[in-house]
Every structure is written in structure tokens, then in C-alpha cells.
Protein backbone atom coordinates (compact mmCIF):
# COMPACT_ATOMS: atom_id res chain seq x y z
CA MET A 1 14.26 10.26 -8.58
CA ALA A 2 17.25 12.15 -7.21
CA VAL A 3 16.61 13.52 -3.73
CA LYS A 4 18.65 15.52 -1.29
CA LYS A 5 20.13 13.14 1.29
CA MET A 6 20.55 14.03 4.92
CA GLN A 7 24.22 14.05 5.91
CA PRO A 8 24.84 11.85 8.96
CA SER A 9 25.92 13.93 11.95
CA TRP A 10 25.82 11.34 14.74
CA GLN A 11 29.42 10.12 14.50
CA GLY A 12 31.03 10.20 17.94
CA LYS A 13 27.80 11.34 19.59
CA VAL A 14 25.55 8.25 19.70
CA ILE A 15 26.26 4.74 21.01
CA ASN A 16 22.73 3.28 20.75
CA PRO A 17 21.25 3.48 17.21
CA ALA A 18 17.72 3.58 18.68
CA GLN A 19 18.54 7.16 19.64
CA VAL A 20 18.45 7.92 15.91
CA GLY A 21 16.05 5.32 14.53
CA GLY A 22 15.49 1.64 13.86
CA ILE A 23 12.92 -1.11 14.34
CA GLU A 24 11.08 -1.89 17.58
CA THR A 25 8.71 -4.85 17.86
CA SER A 26 5.89 -5.22 20.36
CA VAL A 27 2.45 -6.76 20.92
CA LEU A 28 -0.78 -4.76 21.22
CA ASP A 29 -2.41 -5.44 24.58
CA ASP A 30 -5.84 -3.79 24.30
CA GLY A 31 -8.82 -3.32 22.00
CA PRO A 32 -9.67 -5.23 18.81
CA GLY A 33 -6.00 -5.71 17.98
CA ARG A 34 -5.11 -7.31 21.32
CA GLY A 35 -2.36 -9.92 20.91
CA THR A 36 -1.35 -8.64 17.47
CA ARG A 37 2.38 -8.32 16.74
CA ILE A 38 3.59 -5.01 15.33
CA ALA A 39 6.87 -3.31 14.46
CA TRP A 40 7.41 0.43 14.69
CA ILE A 41 9.99 1.64 12.18
CA ASN A 42 11.65 5.02 12.72
CA THR A 43 13.69 6.23 9.75
CA GLY A 44 15.44 8.95 11.78
CA ALA A 45 14.35 11.43 9.11
CA GLY A 46 10.88 12.39 10.36
CA LEU A 47 9.11 9.37 8.84
CA ARG A 48 7.91 6.65 11.19
CA TYR A 49 5.38 3.93 10.53
CA LYS A 50 3.77 0.82 12.00
CA VAL A 51 4.11 -2.59 10.33
CA VAL A 52 1.50 -5.12 11.46
CA ILE A 53 3.36 -8.43 11.46
CA ASP A 54 0.19 -10.42 12.08
CA ARG A 55 -1.64 -8.75 9.19
CA GLY A 56 0.54 -9.75 6.25
CA LEU A 57 3.33 -7.27 7.14
CA ASP A 58 1.02 -4.47 6.04
CA ILE A 59 1.63 -0.85 7.06
CA VAL A 60 -1.05 0.99 9.02
CA ASP A 61 -0.08 4.20 10.86
CA ALA A 62 2.43 6.44 9.08
CA PHE A 63 3.60 9.89 10.14
CA TYR A 64 5.98 12.51 8.83
CA GLN A 65 6.90 14.83 11.70
CA GLN A 66 3.51 15.78 13.21
CA HIS A 67 1.52 14.98 10.06
CA SER A 68 -0.37 11.73 9.57
CA LEU A 69 -0.03 10.42 6.02
CA ALA A 70 -2.46 7.49 6.15
CA TRP A 71 -6.20 7.14 6.62
CA LEU A 72 -7.21 4.88 9.49
CA SER A 73 -10.60 3.19 9.64
CA HIS A 74 -12.78 3.45 12.72
CA ALA A 75 -11.61 0.03 13.95
CA GLY A 76 -7.94 0.54 13.15
CA VAL A 77 -5.72 -2.48 13.71
CA THR A 78 -7.69 -5.64 14.41
CA ALA A 79 -6.49 -9.16 15.08
CA PRO A 80 -6.18 -11.32 11.94
CA ARG A 81 -9.34 -13.11 10.86
CA PRO A 82 -8.57 -15.84 8.32
CA ASP A 83 -12.29 -16.68 8.35
CA ALA A 84 -13.21 -13.25 6.88
CA HIS A 85 -13.09 -14.47 3.28
CA THR A 86 -16.66 -14.44 1.96
CA GLY A 87 -18.89 -11.62 0.80
CA ILE A 88 -17.75 -8.29 2.21
CA GLU A 89 -16.47 -9.70 5.53
CA TRP A 90 -13.08 -8.20 4.61
CA LEU A 91 -14.46 -4.75 5.48
CA TRP A 92 -14.82 -5.75 9.15
CA THR A 93 -11.04 -6.18 9.38
CA PHE A 94 -9.95 -3.35 7.06
CA GLY A 95 -7.85 -0.94 9.10
CA GLY A 96 -7.12 1.37 6.18
CA GLY A 97 -3.51 2.37 6.64
CA LEU A 98 -0.68 3.26 4.32
CA LEU A 99 -0.68 -0.17 2.69
CA THR A 100 -3.14 -3.06 2.82
CA THR A 101 -2.28 -6.00 0.58
CA CYS A 102 -5.08 -7.47 -1.55
CA GLY A 103 -4.82 -10.91 -3.19
CA LEU A 104 -3.04 -13.22 -3.70
CA THR A 105 -5.52 -14.95 -5.99
CA HIS A 106 -8.38 -12.41 -6.15
CA VAL A 107 -8.72 -8.62 -6.16
CA GLY A 108 -12.16 -7.03 -6.40
CA GLY A 109 -15.69 -7.60 -5.20
CA PRO A 110 -17.26 -10.86 -4.01
CA GLU A 111 -18.00 -13.40 -6.74
CA THR A 112 -18.85 -17.03 -7.33
CA ASP A 113 -18.30 -19.05 -10.48
CA ALA A 114 -17.24 -22.50 -11.63
CA PHE A 115 -13.80 -21.87 -10.10
CA GLY A 116 -15.13 -21.23 -6.59
CA GLU A 117 -16.33 -18.52 -4.22
CA ARG A 118 -14.19 -15.47 -3.53
CA GLY A 119 -14.72 -12.66 -1.04
CA LEU A 120 -13.82 -9.00 -1.33
CA HIS A 121 -10.09 -8.46 -2.04
CA GLY A 122 -8.89 -11.92 -1.10
CA ARG A 123 -7.37 -13.37 2.04
CA ILE A 124 -3.73 -12.37 2.34
CA SER A 125 -4.12 -9.38 4.68
CA ASN A 126 -5.71 -11.62 7.30
CA PHE A 127 -2.76 -14.01 7.62
CA PRO A 128 0.15 -13.55 10.07
CA ALA A 129 3.71 -13.44 8.83
CA GLN A 130 6.53 -15.66 9.98
CA VAL A 131 9.43 -13.29 10.65
CA GLU A 132 12.66 -14.40 8.98
CA SER A 133 14.91 -11.49 9.93
CA ILE A 134 15.10 -8.05 11.46
CA VAL A 135 18.20 -6.06 10.53
CA GLN A 136 18.96 -2.99 12.63
CA PRO A 137 21.24 -0.11 11.64
CA ASN A 138 24.68 -0.34 13.20
CA LEU A 139 26.31 3.02 13.67
CA GLY A 140 29.49 1.39 14.93
CA THR A 141 30.14 -0.28 11.58
CA GLY A 142 28.66 2.54 9.55
CA SER A 143 25.71 0.44 8.35
CA VAL A 144 22.61 2.62 8.04
CA GLU A 145 20.36 0.04 6.39
CA MET A 146 17.45 -1.60 8.25
CA SER A 147 14.82 -4.13 7.24
CA ILE A 148 12.22 -6.61 8.34
CA THR A 149 11.53 -9.75 6.28
CA GLY A 150 8.73 -12.25 6.71
CA VAL A 151 6.78 -14.93 4.89
CA VAL A 152 3.00 -14.95 4.63
CA LYS A 153 1.30 -18.14 3.44
CA GLU A 154 -2.04 -18.37 1.67
CA SER A 155 -2.29 -22.11 1.89
CA ARG A 156 -4.77 -24.96 2.10
CA VAL A 157 -4.76 -28.69 1.40
CA PHE A 158 -5.41 -29.25 -2.35
CA GLY A 159 -4.34 -25.64 -2.99
CA PRO A 160 -3.83 -22.88 -3.59
CA ASN A 161 -0.45 -22.72 -1.84
CA LEU A 162 1.07 -19.30 -2.40
CA GLU A 163 3.81 -17.62 -0.38
CA LEU A 164 4.44 -13.90 -0.10
CA ARG A 165 8.00 -13.15 1.05
CA ARG A 166 8.07 -9.45 1.94
CA THR A 167 11.00 -7.25 2.87
CA ILE A 168 10.32 -3.73 4.11
CA SER A 169 13.53 -1.73 4.24
CA GLY A 170 14.93 1.73 4.58
CA THR A 171 18.01 3.81 5.19
CA LEU A 172 18.61 5.67 8.42
CA GLY A 173 18.40 9.37 7.64
CA GLU A 174 16.10 9.02 4.61
CA PRO A 175 12.27 9.39 4.71
CA VAL A 176 11.68 6.39 2.46
CA ILE A 177 9.99 2.97 2.59
CA ARG A 178 11.08 0.25 0.20
CA ILE A 179 8.91 -2.82 -0.29
CA HIS A 180 10.24 -5.91 -2.05
CA ASP A 181 7.73 -8.73 -2.53
CA VAL A 182 8.21 -12.16 -4.05
CA VAL A 183 5.09 -14.28 -4.60
CA THR A 184 5.81 -17.97 -5.17
CA ASN A 185 3.56 -20.88 -6.03
CA ALA A 186 4.68 -23.42 -3.41
CA GLY A 187 2.00 -25.92 -4.47
CA ASN A 188 1.85 -28.54 -7.20
CA SER A 189 -0.90 -26.98 -9.36
CA ARG A 190 -1.12 -23.95 -11.62
CA THR A 191 -2.77 -21.15 -9.61
CA PRO A 192 -4.44 -17.81 -10.48
CA HIS A 193 -2.62 -14.78 -9.14
CA MET A 194 -3.80 -11.22 -8.55
CA LEU A 195 -2.17 -8.58 -6.35
CA LEU A 196 -3.08 -5.01 -5.44
CA TYR A 197 -1.44 -2.54 -3.05
CA HIS A 198 -4.33 -0.71 -1.38
CA CYS A 199 -2.55 2.51 -0.31
CA ASN A 200 -4.88 4.74 1.71
CA TYR A 201 -4.07 8.40 2.35
CA GLY A 202 -5.84 10.71 4.79
CA TRP A 203 -5.86 14.06 6.56
CA PRO A 204 -3.84 16.23 6.86
CA LEU A 205 -1.86 15.05 3.83
CA VAL A 206 -5.18 14.73 2.04
CA ASP A 207 -7.27 17.86 2.36
CA LYS A 208 -9.37 20.03 0.09
CA GLY A 209 -7.01 21.09 -2.70
CA THR A 210 -4.46 18.29 -2.35
CA GLN A 211 -3.23 17.23 -5.79
CA ILE A 212 -3.56 13.58 -6.78
CA VAL A 213 -0.55 12.99 -9.01
CA TRP A 214 -0.24 10.55 -11.91
CA LYS A 215 0.47 10.70 -15.61
CA GLY A 216 -1.68 8.73 -18.04
CA ARG A 217 -5.25 8.02 -19.09
CA CYS A 218 -8.10 7.59 -16.59
CA GLU A 219 -11.56 6.15 -17.08
CA SER A 220 -14.42 5.75 -14.66
CA ARG A 221 -15.07 2.28 -13.26
CA GLY A 222 -18.49 2.83 -14.81
CA LEU A 223 -21.01 2.86 -11.98
CA GLU A 224 -23.23 5.91 -11.57
CA MET A 225 -21.38 7.03 -8.42
CA ASP A 226 -18.04 6.66 -10.25
CA ASN A 227 -19.25 8.70 -13.21
CA ALA A 228 -20.34 11.50 -10.85
CA ILE A 229 -16.66 12.07 -9.97
CA PHE A 230 -14.63 10.72 -12.88
CA ASN A 231 -16.01 12.80 -15.74
CA PRO A 232 -14.53 15.50 -18.01
CA ASP A 233 -16.44 18.29 -16.24
CA ARG A 234 -14.92 17.59 -12.84
CA ASP A 235 -11.40 18.08 -11.52
CA PHE A 236 -11.01 14.59 -10.08
CA ARG A 237 -7.26 15.07 -9.65
CA THR A 238 -7.81 17.54 -6.81
CA ALA A 239 -9.13 16.35 -3.46
CA ALA A 240 -12.64 17.53 -2.67
CA ALA A 241 -14.10 18.75 0.60
CA PRO A 242 -16.22 16.18 2.48
CA LEU A 243 -19.26 15.24 0.36
CA GLU A 244 -22.74 14.43 1.65
CA SER A 245 -23.14 12.05 -1.31
CA HIS A 246 -20.26 9.98 0.11
CA ARG A 247 -21.86 9.23 3.46
CA GLY A 248 -22.15 5.49 4.08
CA THR A 249 -21.26 3.55 0.95
CA GLY A 250 -20.82 6.57 -1.30
CA GLU A 251 -17.54 6.41 -3.22
CA ALA A 252 -15.98 6.63 -6.65
CA CYS A 253 -13.27 4.71 -8.44
CA GLY A 254 -11.28 5.42 -11.57
CA PHE A 255 -8.96 3.07 -13.45
CA ILE A 256 -5.72 4.64 -14.68
CA ASP A 257 -3.29 3.47 -17.35
CA VAL A 258 -0.15 5.17 -16.01
CA THR A 259 2.48 6.40 -18.46
CA PRO A 260 5.93 5.26 -17.28
CA ASP A 261 9.18 7.11 -17.81
CA ALA A 262 11.90 6.03 -20.23
CA ASP A 263 13.09 3.43 -17.71
CA GLY A 264 9.63 1.91 -17.35
CA VAL A 265 9.03 3.42 -13.90
CA CYS A 266 5.67 4.90 -12.87
CA THR A 267 5.55 7.86 -10.49
CA ILE A 268 2.33 8.57 -8.58
CA GLY A 269 1.41 10.24 -5.30
CA LEU A 270 -0.01 13.29 -3.59
CA HIS A 271 1.04 16.89 -3.05
CA ASN A 272 -0.28 19.18 -0.33
CA GLU A 273 1.00 22.63 -1.21
CA LYS A 274 -0.21 24.17 2.06
CA LEU A 275 1.90 21.72 4.07
CA GLY A 276 4.85 21.85 1.66
CA LEU A 277 4.67 18.08 1.61
CA ALA A 278 4.45 15.40 -1.07
CA VAL A 279 4.44 11.61 -0.96
CA SER A 280 5.63 9.80 -4.06
CA THR A 281 5.32 6.13 -4.95
CA ARG A 282 7.45 4.57 -7.67
CA TYR A 283 7.14 1.11 -9.23
CA ARG A 284 7.75 -0.67 -12.49
CA LYS A 285 4.94 -0.72 -15.05
CA THR A 286 5.82 -4.26 -16.13
CA GLN A 287 5.25 -5.50 -12.59
CA LEU A 288 2.10 -3.50 -11.82
CA PRO A 289 0.40 -2.38 -15.03
CA SER A 290 -2.83 -1.11 -13.41
CA LEU A 291 -3.67 1.73 -11.04
CA ALA A 292 -6.97 2.42 -9.28
CA ASN A 293 -7.85 5.75 -7.65
CA TRP A 294 -10.43 5.29 -4.89
CA GLN A 295 -12.11 8.48 -3.70
CA HIS A 296 -14.33 8.31 -0.61
CA TRP A 297 -14.92 11.83 0.66
CA GLY A 298 -17.38 10.81 3.39
CA PRO A 299 -17.73 13.19 6.35
CA GLY A 300 -15.55 11.72 9.09
CA GLU A 301 -14.44 8.98 6.71
CA TYR A 302 -12.28 10.99 4.34
CA VAL A 303 -9.80 9.08 2.22
CA THR A 304 -8.33 8.60 -1.21
CA GLY A 305 -6.50 5.49 -2.33
CA LEU A 306 -3.85 5.02 -5.00
CA GLU A 307 -3.71 1.30 -5.69
CA PRO A 308 -1.13 -0.19 -8.07
CA GLY A 309 -1.94 -3.75 -9.08
CA THR A 310 -1.51 -6.59 -11.50
CA ASN A 311 -5.10 -5.86 -12.51
CA PRO A 312 -7.66 -3.24 -11.59
CA PRO A 313 -9.99 -4.46 -8.80
CA ILE A 314 -12.37 -6.17 -11.21
CA GLY A 315 -12.25 -9.68 -9.77
CA GLN A 316 -10.85 -12.95 -10.97
CA ALA A 317 -13.81 -13.80 -13.20
CA LYS A 318 -13.68 -10.60 -15.25
CA ALA A 319 -9.89 -10.73 -15.51
CA ARG A 320 -10.20 -14.29 -16.81
CA ALA A 321 -12.82 -13.23 -19.37
CA GLN A 322 -10.51 -10.42 -20.53
CA LYS A 323 -7.65 -12.95 -20.79
CA LYS A 324 -5.66 -10.83 -18.33
CA LEU A 325 -5.67 -13.18 -15.36
CA LEU A 326 -2.14 -14.18 -14.37
CA HIS A 327 -1.27 -17.74 -13.36
CA LEU A 328 1.74 -19.11 -11.51
CA ASP A 329 3.00 -22.57 -12.35
CA PRO A 330 4.38 -24.73 -9.51
CA GLY A 331 7.66 -23.33 -8.24
CA ARG A 332 7.35 -20.10 -10.23
CA SER A 333 7.56 -16.61 -8.71
CA ARG A 334 6.75 -13.00 -9.51
CA THR A 335 8.57 -10.03 -7.98
CA TYR A 336 7.21 -6.60 -7.07
CA ASP A 337 8.98 -3.47 -5.83
CA LEU A 338 7.60 -0.18 -4.55
CA GLU A 339 9.31 2.88 -3.12
CA ILE A 340 7.31 5.34 -1.01
CA ARG A 341 9.16 8.57 -0.27
CA VAL A 342 8.28 11.78 1.58
CA LEU A 343 9.39 14.96 -0.20
CA THR A 344 9.73 18.35 1.45
CA GLN A 345 12.43 20.13 -0.58
CA ALA A 346 10.98 22.45 -3.23
CA GLN A 347 13.20 21.12 -6.02
CA ASP A 348 12.31 17.50 -5.20
CA ILE A 349 8.59 18.31 -5.21
CA ARG A 350 8.91 20.10 -8.55
CA ARG A 351 10.73 17.11 -10.02
CA PHE A 352 8.03 14.77 -8.67
CA LEU A 353 5.25 16.89 -10.17
CA ARG A 354 6.98 16.95 -13.57
CA ALA A 355 7.34 13.18 -13.51
CA GLY A 356 3.72 12.63 -12.50
CA ARG A 357 1.91 15.12 -14.73
């Protein structure tokens, strides 16, 4: 998607690139996240966001100017809990945020079968990353690129032994986040693989009337509470006001088969006309063929998720039964790329809406 680029105007005026933007690492020293490593990334274009190094290099807080883009759970950032891997223990550590990674071997509800026991949405978001590199912009050389790269291991004796190598990058002066993931089977046995990007958007980006943007065919997950939202008589592509029916565990989920463009790229996101603000996400259909739309309009817990994945969040057992469960042979890898971009120019928003409708 062509966007209007900000023309650099700092030449001869700035000696320290942190005056414009860059990456700053630190450690939280209070609350449930005490001792957790984080990295604040400032794009120098109004977009700034928090990467939680100790939580799989996931992204929690995200702001454009004064506007929060992401939904944050009541707990927010918590320390990693590798033991939270059975039943719905995952929910105790779920901070919400712009991106929570689900997988690497299971995405969906808790289940037990002949292949083992699996908790909600897998383990990967509860493992710390080993940082490989942090690249800062260098105004002296004219380099405006910045990135953080780390490796997250989902590993045990006798397997599975999967590695997620993640690079989060951007360009100084552009309100964009680029995520490049490589998942590799570092073990000696063939291993199931599922991955889902749980992207959680909240107020004020998400408000009554915000458009949920995607092109394709949507069907309800099938539960009664899903059917109450995802049905032909309801405009489920426009954010609702807080709903009493969504207090507590009330929610709805639809599964979307996104139509890609001629280059195989899917464009999804949200548009808040009142704010003059849109957030687009682009990815390749061949990498992430499924999209889930989670709608939880609970009073005080108001969020919608757009969640590209290798599979919808149906669990390993159902994906296996459908013959859609991926496997990685020893030494083999799969690559995933996402671009999340903030749009404020009218022509860019119009182009985004055309691509996603």
C-alpha cells in the first residue's frame, strides 16, 4: 500500500537520534510485571509501542499521538509464567495488547487426546526471548532503520523443540511496525505447528461506530453467543456500544476467509472516522490463511481482536481431524510477515478501505 512518507527534516539539527526516536530497553520494577524486560520503540512519527522481551517479544501498549490503539487487560504486563499451560491458566497472564502470540503447537481452547494435554492458546507467550540484536537509527550515516531481534524457545527434553526467531523493525519517520517471524523445528522429531497473532484493539481507536475492515466471507464460530453477533441481521463489521450480554465471559467469534489482492496480500484493520484514524495490517494469505474476529464488548472490558493465523483457534485436535494441522520436520522452518501501519491521510485511508472491503 503506497503511503505518504514523512520527509526527514532533522539534518544538521540533531546529534542524538533518541531526540527523534529509537529503541530504549528497561526493566519493570513494580507490580505483577516486576523484573520483566521491556523495550519502548518510538518511530518518531507519532507511533510508539512497548515490546515485552520476557513475554515472547510480544507488543502490549501502543499509542499514536495521544490515542491508545490497543486494549489492555486489567492485569496488564505480568511476569512470564511457563507453568501456565493447562486449562485456561493462560488467561491469568493475558495482558491483551497490540499483539500476543499464540502457539507454537496449539491454538484454541484446552483439550486432551492421545497426543497429550494442551492448554488455552499454547505456551509461547509465556517464554522470555534471548535478544540477539538491537539496531538503532544512525542519523550521522543516514540510516533510519531500527530493529530488535530475539529468539524464543518452546523446548523440552523429548520434544517439542521449536524456536521462534522474531525481528520487529521500523523506519524512523514512518508510523509502521514490521514483524518478521521464522519458526524452526530445532528437535529431531516431526512436530505439530500452529500459530496465531492475537491482535487486540481498544478505545479510543475502537468505539461505537468504528469499522472493522476485511474483505472475504465470514461465518460464526457456531456457539449461541457467536450466532447472536455473527448473523445476517446484524452489522457485525461495525463496533457496538458496551453490551450487558458481554459481561463476564460473554463474547463472540467469527471465522473469516479473507480475499487477498492480486499479489496474495490480505489487508485488514480498523477505521475510526471520528478520529480520522485507521490501523491496517497486511500479510500474505499463503502464510496465514485464517482470520478470527473476536468481539468482547463487555462494560469496562471493551475489545475486538483481529487474529491472523495458520488455522482458526479450533485447537490441534480439530485441525488434525480436518487434515489442516501443519507439521514441521526436523530442521525445517516456516516464515511469517506482518505489517501494521497507522493511517491518517484521507487518501491513504480511502485506499485502505477499498482494499479491505
